[in-house]
Amino acid sequence: MNHLLSIGDLDRAGIERIITQAARFAEVSDREIKKVPALRGRMVLNLFYEASTRTRSSFELAAKRLSADVVNFAASGSSVEKGESLKDTVLTLSAHKPDAIVLRTPWAGAAELVSRWCSAAIVNAGDGQHEHPTQALLDVYTLQQRLGGLDGASIWIVGDVTHSRVARSNIIAFQEMGAKVTVAGPPTLIPRRIEELGCEVRFTLDELDGADVVYALRMQRERMTETWVPSLREYASWYQINGRRLGPRQVLMHPGPVNRGVELSGDVVDSPQAVITAQVEAGVVVRMAVLYELLAGAKEPDPVARRQTAPQPA
């Protein structure tokens, strides 16, 4: 694998390989010293054109735990504000010879374009409303840890599907792993022909009690240029996941950040069914596995096993 631009770049075996490696790295995270030398001497450049807390911090921590050098670049305060194009920014930063570029932009397809402009491995950390493949991988990992597997599981993705890059990647990944996916929300927030991805579509939550997993999406008001729902209060009355709608055996997920009182009520965010914190924890080890797969996976022995068997200094 040279790049991770789309979750479609991975078949089931590829997803399972990354998930298995992430589980090995999770063992490292429980140790007193949380680093392995797998990417020592490599450089990872985080290039973010949009605000991010979870994704950016977890990629930085993942690279550092692999002993890579990390450079963080934010568009604000840079030459981008002077009118520099994405291509020129990438070419300028490529002069520093990064081994991998983790890219988030508001433009769909930008990661694929950047992969043509430089020799670094490109990881798509979110491109507009298109995809977010590492979020899908960490969600698969989280569910594997909770359920033991996704084969035959019923997963409902509820809310603002239209503006969600997470939804598109997750529909593909969950189905690749054997789950049945249903998307639900107001007709205005369900993209036309989304069922061509293989999922089912519902406009009410009447059958939600049949789901094993409920995945709530944030209302992405920053991407909305017109009125998509009459009001947030009306949206919440019809589509909010709350204690009345969430069953005791259902697993609750959310990609964050959560708008409490809108897509989720406060009581379910803090309920035992919620694995939202586990998703954040999974982000580091899964992104460690992605970087390792891209930069060292086919060339190096297992870094965790190597560290366990290496002789200790006297």
Protein backbone atom coordinates (compact mmCIF):
# COMPACT_ATOMS: atom_id res chain seq x y z
CA MET A 1 0.00 0.00 0.00
CA ASN A 2 1.56 3.30 -1.13
CA HIS A 3 -1.17 5.69 0.09
CA LEU A 4 -4.42 5.62 2.06
CA LEU A 5 -6.71 7.91 0.09
CA SER A 6 -10.00 6.03 0.47
CA ILE A 7 -11.27 3.18 2.60
CA GLY A 8 -11.94 1.54 -0.77
CA ASP A 9 -8.16 1.15 -1.12
CA LEU A 10 -8.46 -1.71 1.39
CA ASP A 11 -10.22 -5.04 1.03
CA ARG A 12 -11.31 -7.03 4.08
CA ALA A 13 -7.90 -8.64 4.44
CA GLY A 14 -6.25 -5.22 4.34
CA ILE A 15 -8.59 -3.84 7.01
CA GLU A 16 -8.01 -6.89 9.20
CA ARG A 17 -4.24 -6.55 8.82
CA ILE A 18 -4.34 -2.96 10.08
CA ILE A 19 -6.74 -3.83 12.91
CA THR A 20 -4.49 -6.71 14.00
CA GLN A 21 -1.43 -4.45 13.99
CA ALA A 22 -3.35 -1.81 15.94
CA ALA A 23 -4.12 -4.41 18.62
CA ARG A 24 -0.40 -5.12 18.92
CA PHE A 25 0.34 -1.42 19.30
CA ALA A 26 -2.35 -1.21 21.98
CA GLU A 27 -0.13 -3.46 24.09
CA VAL A 28 2.64 -0.86 23.77
CA SER A 29 0.27 1.90 24.91
CA ASP A 30 -0.20 0.08 28.23
CA ARG A 31 3.52 0.05 29.00
CA GLU A 32 5.48 2.57 31.01
CA ILE A 33 7.50 3.48 27.89
CA LYS A 34 5.00 3.84 25.08
CA LYS A 35 7.35 4.00 22.09
CA VAL A 36 8.74 1.59 19.51
CA PRO A 37 11.56 2.42 17.08
CA ALA A 38 9.68 1.33 13.96
CA LEU A 39 9.83 4.72 12.18
CA ARG A 40 12.99 6.14 13.70
CA GLY A 41 14.56 8.58 11.23
CA ARG A 42 11.32 8.99 9.24
CA MET A 43 9.44 12.29 8.96
CA VAL A 44 5.66 12.64 9.13
CA LEU A 45 4.14 15.97 8.08
CA ASN A 46 0.65 16.85 9.33
CA LEU A 47 -0.86 19.28 6.81
CA PHE A 48 -4.23 20.54 8.05
CA TYR A 49 -6.40 23.10 6.26
CA GLU A 50 -9.32 22.57 8.67
CA ALA A 51 -9.62 22.69 12.44
CA SER A 52 -9.16 19.37 14.18
CA THR A 53 -8.64 18.12 17.72
CA ARG A 54 -8.94 14.33 17.69
CA THR A 55 -7.54 13.50 14.28
CA ARG A 56 -4.58 15.85 14.34
CA SER A 57 -3.52 15.08 17.92
CA SER A 58 -3.85 11.33 17.42
CA PHE A 59 -1.79 11.35 14.22
CA GLU A 60 0.90 13.39 15.98
CA LEU A 61 0.93 11.05 18.96
CA ALA A 62 0.87 7.98 16.69
CA ALA A 63 3.92 9.17 14.74
CA LYS A 64 5.82 10.05 17.92
CA ARG A 65 5.09 6.66 19.49
CA LEU A 66 6.62 5.11 16.37
CA SER A 67 9.70 7.33 16.96
CA ALA A 68 9.15 9.39 13.80
CA ASP A 69 9.96 13.08 13.55
CA VAL A 70 6.75 15.14 13.29
CA VAL A 71 6.15 18.51 11.63
CA ASN A 72 2.77 20.17 12.10
CA PHE A 73 1.53 22.64 9.49
CA ALA A 74 -1.68 24.64 9.83
CA ALA A 75 -3.01 26.81 7.03
CA SER A 76 -3.77 29.69 9.40
CA GLY A 77 -0.72 31.86 9.89
CA SER A 78 1.02 30.44 6.82
CA SER A 79 1.57 31.56 3.23
CA VAL A 80 -1.85 30.07 2.44
CA GLU A 81 -3.31 33.29 3.88
CA LYS A 82 -1.27 35.17 1.26
CA GLY A 83 -2.88 33.19 -1.56
CA GLU A 84 -0.49 30.26 -1.95
CA SER A 85 -2.18 27.30 -3.65
CA LEU A 86 -2.39 23.79 -2.25
CA LYS A 87 -0.02 22.54 -4.94
CA ASP A 88 2.62 25.17 -4.23
CA THR A 89 2.35 24.55 -0.49
CA VAL A 90 2.81 20.82 -1.03
CA LEU A 91 5.78 21.34 -3.36
CA THR A 92 7.39 23.71 -0.86
CA LEU A 93 6.98 21.32 2.05
CA SER A 94 8.07 18.36 -0.09
CA ALA A 95 11.48 20.01 -0.32
CA HIS A 96 11.95 18.89 3.30
CA LYS A 97 11.63 15.25 2.13
CA PRO A 98 8.78 14.01 4.35
CA ASP A 99 8.16 10.28 4.23
CA ALA A 100 4.43 10.70 4.83
CA ILE A 101 1.97 13.58 4.61
CA VAL A 102 -1.23 13.42 6.65
CA LEU A 103 -3.64 15.73 4.85
CA ARG A 104 -6.95 17.30 5.84
CA THR A 105 -8.63 19.76 3.51
CA PRO A 106 -12.14 21.07 2.78
CA TRP A 107 -11.80 19.92 -0.85
CA ALA A 108 -13.04 16.51 -1.98
CA GLY A 109 -10.37 14.65 -3.94
CA ALA A 110 -7.47 16.78 -2.67
CA ALA A 111 -5.60 13.81 -1.16
CA GLU A 112 -5.60 12.00 -4.50
CA LEU A 113 -4.24 15.11 -6.24
CA VAL A 114 -1.48 15.56 -3.67
CA SER A 115 -0.41 11.94 -4.16
CA ARG A 116 0.50 12.89 -7.75
CA TRP A 117 2.57 15.92 -6.77
CA CYS A 118 5.11 14.39 -4.39
CA SER A 119 6.81 11.11 -3.51
CA ALA A 120 5.60 10.95 0.11
CA ALA A 121 2.97 8.46 1.26
CA ILE A 122 -0.33 10.35 1.56
CA VAL A 123 -2.89 9.65 4.29
CA ASN A 124 -6.30 11.19 3.77
CA ALA A 125 -7.34 12.63 7.14
CA GLY A 126 -10.57 13.98 5.66
CA ASP A 127 -11.24 15.63 2.31
CA GLY A 128 -14.33 17.81 2.41
CA GLN A 129 -17.55 15.81 2.42
CA HIS A 130 -15.88 12.90 0.64
CA GLU A 131 -14.09 10.44 2.94
CA HIS A 132 -12.30 9.89 6.25
CA PRO A 133 -10.73 6.42 5.97
CA THR A 134 -8.83 6.31 9.27
CA GLN A 135 -12.02 7.17 11.16
CA ALA A 136 -13.66 4.15 9.54
CA LEU A 137 -10.70 1.96 10.54
CA LEU A 138 -10.77 3.08 14.16
CA ASP A 139 -14.54 2.54 14.26
CA VAL A 140 -14.11 -1.00 12.95
CA TYR A 141 -11.39 -1.58 15.55
CA THR A 142 -13.63 -0.26 18.35
CA LEU A 143 -16.51 -2.51 17.33
CA GLN A 144 -14.23 -5.52 16.99
CA GLN A 145 -13.10 -4.95 20.57
CA ARG A 146 -16.69 -4.54 21.79
CA LEU A 147 -18.57 -7.13 19.72
CA GLY A 148 -15.84 -9.54 18.68
CA GLY A 149 -16.70 -9.07 14.99
CA LEU A 150 -19.03 -7.29 12.62
CA ASP A 151 -20.35 -10.22 10.56
CA GLY A 152 -24.15 -10.07 10.57
CA ALA A 153 -24.31 -6.95 12.77
CA SER A 154 -26.98 -4.35 12.04
CA ILE A 155 -25.51 -0.83 12.12
CA TRP A 156 -27.64 2.30 11.82
CA ILE A 157 -25.93 5.57 10.87
CA VAL A 158 -28.24 8.39 11.93
CA GLY A 159 -28.24 12.11 11.17
CA ASP A 160 -26.48 14.45 8.77
CA VAL A 161 -25.29 11.94 6.17
CA THR A 162 -25.17 14.53 3.38
CA HIS A 163 -22.30 16.51 4.89
CA SER A 164 -20.51 13.59 6.54
CA ARG A 165 -17.27 12.16 5.17
CA VAL A 166 -17.35 9.72 8.10
CA ALA A 167 -20.64 8.22 6.89
CA ARG A 168 -19.33 7.40 3.43
CA SER A 169 -16.17 5.72 4.67
CA ASN A 170 -18.02 3.83 7.39
CA ILE A 171 -20.73 2.51 5.06
CA ILE A 172 -18.02 0.96 2.90
CA ALA A 173 -15.88 -0.34 5.77
CA PHE A 174 -18.72 -1.80 7.86
CA GLN A 175 -20.14 -3.65 4.86
CA GLU A 176 -16.70 -4.92 3.88
CA MET A 177 -16.49 -6.45 7.36
CA GLY A 178 -19.85 -8.21 7.00
CA ALA A 179 -22.29 -5.79 8.63
CA LYS A 180 -25.65 -4.65 7.32
CA VAL A 181 -25.80 -0.83 7.21
CA THR A 182 -28.87 1.43 7.33
CA VAL A 183 -28.68 5.22 7.08
CA ALA A 184 -31.46 7.28 8.61
CA GLY A 185 -32.30 10.96 8.85
CA PRO A 186 -34.40 13.73 7.32
CA PRO A 187 -34.80 13.42 3.54
CA THR A 188 -32.86 16.67 3.12
CA LEU A 189 -29.83 15.15 4.89
CA ILE A 190 -29.74 11.83 3.04
CA PRO A 191 -27.82 12.07 -0.26
CA ARG A 192 -29.60 10.93 -3.39
CA ARG A 193 -28.59 7.44 -4.56
CA ILE A 194 -26.70 6.72 -1.33
CA GLU A 195 -28.25 3.25 -1.48
CA GLU A 196 -25.94 2.53 -4.41
CA LEU A 197 -23.23 2.03 -1.79
CA GLY A 198 -25.19 -1.01 -0.63
CA CYS A 199 -26.92 0.45 2.43
CA GLU A 200 -30.61 0.78 3.19
CA VAL A 201 -32.32 4.13 3.75
CA ARG A 202 -34.88 5.13 6.38
CA PHE A 203 -36.43 8.51 7.07
CA THR A 204 -37.70 7.67 10.56
CA LEU A 205 -36.27 5.85 13.58
CA ASP A 206 -39.26 3.51 13.89
CA GLU A 207 -37.11 0.39 13.35
CA LEU A 208 -34.07 1.58 15.29
CA ASP A 209 -34.65 -0.98 18.03
CA GLY A 210 -33.45 -3.69 15.62
CA ALA A 211 -29.96 -2.21 15.39
CA ASP A 212 -26.98 -3.67 17.20
CA VAL A 213 -25.02 -0.44 16.78
CA VAL A 214 -26.33 3.12 16.58
CA TYR A 215 -23.84 5.55 15.03
CA ALA A 216 -24.96 9.17 15.48
CA LEU A 217 -23.56 11.91 13.25
CA ARG A 218 -23.00 15.55 14.13
CA MET A 219 -25.10 18.23 12.49
CA GLN A 220 -22.33 19.93 10.49
CA ARG A 221 -23.64 23.46 10.51
CA GLU A 222 -20.30 24.85 9.31
CA ARG A 223 -20.86 23.08 5.97
CA MET A 224 -24.47 24.17 5.59
CA THR A 225 -25.09 27.13 3.30
CA GLU A 226 -28.89 26.91 3.46
CA THR A 227 -31.65 25.69 5.72
CA TRP A 228 -31.61 21.88 5.78
CA VAL A 229 -34.01 21.37 8.71
CA PRO A 230 -36.69 23.68 10.12
CA SER A 231 -34.82 24.01 13.43
CA LEU A 232 -32.41 22.08 15.63
CA ARG A 233 -35.19 21.63 18.17
CA GLU A 234 -37.42 19.94 15.60
CA TYR A 235 -34.51 17.84 14.33
CA ALA A 236 -33.81 16.67 17.89
CA SER A 237 -37.45 15.76 18.49
CA TRP A 238 -37.42 13.39 15.50
CA TYR A 239 -33.85 12.11 15.29
CA GLN A 240 -32.04 12.66 18.58
CA ILE A 241 -30.69 9.45 20.13
CA ASN A 242 -31.81 9.54 23.75
CA GLY A 243 -32.63 7.17 26.58
CA ARG A 244 -36.07 6.53 25.13
CA ARG A 245 -34.73 5.45 21.74
CA LEU A 246 -31.49 3.66 22.74
CA GLY A 247 -31.90 0.10 23.95
CA PRO A 248 -29.81 -1.34 26.81
CA ARG A 249 -28.00 -3.82 24.53
CA GLN A 250 -27.25 -1.38 21.72
CA VAL A 251 -23.78 0.11 21.22
CA LEU A 252 -23.66 3.89 20.74
CA MET A 253 -20.97 5.56 18.59
CA HIS A 254 -20.20 9.12 17.52
CA PRO A 255 -17.16 10.52 15.63
CA GLY A 256 -16.99 13.67 17.77
CA PRO A 257 -17.27 16.42 18.63
CA VAL A 258 -20.69 15.80 20.17
CA ASN A 259 -23.39 18.45 20.18
CA ARG A 260 -25.09 17.44 23.42
CA GLY A 261 -28.81 18.04 23.27
CA VAL A 262 -28.90 17.88 19.46
CA GLU A 263 -27.94 14.52 17.94
CA LEU A 264 -27.40 12.92 21.38
CA SER A 265 -28.93 13.58 24.76
CA GLY A 266 -26.51 14.00 27.64
CA ASP A 267 -27.65 10.84 29.41
CA VAL A 268 -26.75 8.51 26.52
CA VAL A 269 -23.36 10.20 25.95
CA ASP A 270 -22.45 9.16 29.50
CA SER A 271 -24.19 5.78 29.37
CA PRO A 272 -22.52 2.34 29.45
CA GLN A 273 -23.66 1.77 25.85
CA ALA A 274 -21.49 4.64 24.58
CA VAL A 275 -18.04 3.78 23.22
CA ILE A 276 -17.18 7.35 22.22
CA THR A 277 -14.15 7.53 24.51
CA ALA A 278 -13.00 4.12 23.26
CA GLN A 279 -13.15 5.49 19.70
CA VAL A 280 -10.79 8.31 20.68
CA GLU A 281 -8.41 5.84 22.34
CA ALA A 282 -8.51 3.63 19.25
CA GLY A 283 -7.51 6.58 17.07
CA VAL A 284 -3.88 6.53 18.22
CA VAL A 285 -3.18 2.81 17.81
CA VAL A 286 -5.06 2.54 14.51
CA ARG A 287 -3.18 5.52 13.08
CA MET A 288 0.06 4.00 14.35
CA ALA A 289 -0.86 0.89 12.37
CA VAL A 290 -1.64 2.93 9.23
CA LEU A 291 1.67 4.82 9.34
CA TYR A 292 3.55 1.59 10.02
CA GLU A 293 1.79 -0.17 7.15
CA LEU A 294 2.64 2.64 4.73
CA LEU A 295 6.24 3.25 5.76
CA ALA A 296 7.56 0.01 7.18
CA GLY A 297 4.98 -2.78 7.11
CA ALA A 298 6.31 -4.70 4.12
CA LYS A 299 9.96 -4.16 5.05
CA GLU A 300 10.30 -4.58 8.79
CA PRO A 301 9.61 -7.39 11.28
CA ASP A 302 6.83 -6.83 13.79
CA PRO A 303 8.01 -3.85 15.88
CA VAL A 304 6.27 -5.00 19.07
CA ALA A 305 7.74 -8.50 18.90
CA ARG A 306 11.15 -7.08 18.06
CA ARG A 307 11.05 -4.82 21.09
CA GLN A 308 10.04 -7.70 23.36
CA THR A 309 12.95 -9.90 22.22
CA ALA A 310 15.65 -7.25 21.89
CA PRO A 311 18.48 -7.57 24.42
CA GLN A 312 18.33 -4.99 27.18
CA PRO A 313 21.32 -2.72 27.83
CA ALA A 314 23.45 -3.67 30.82
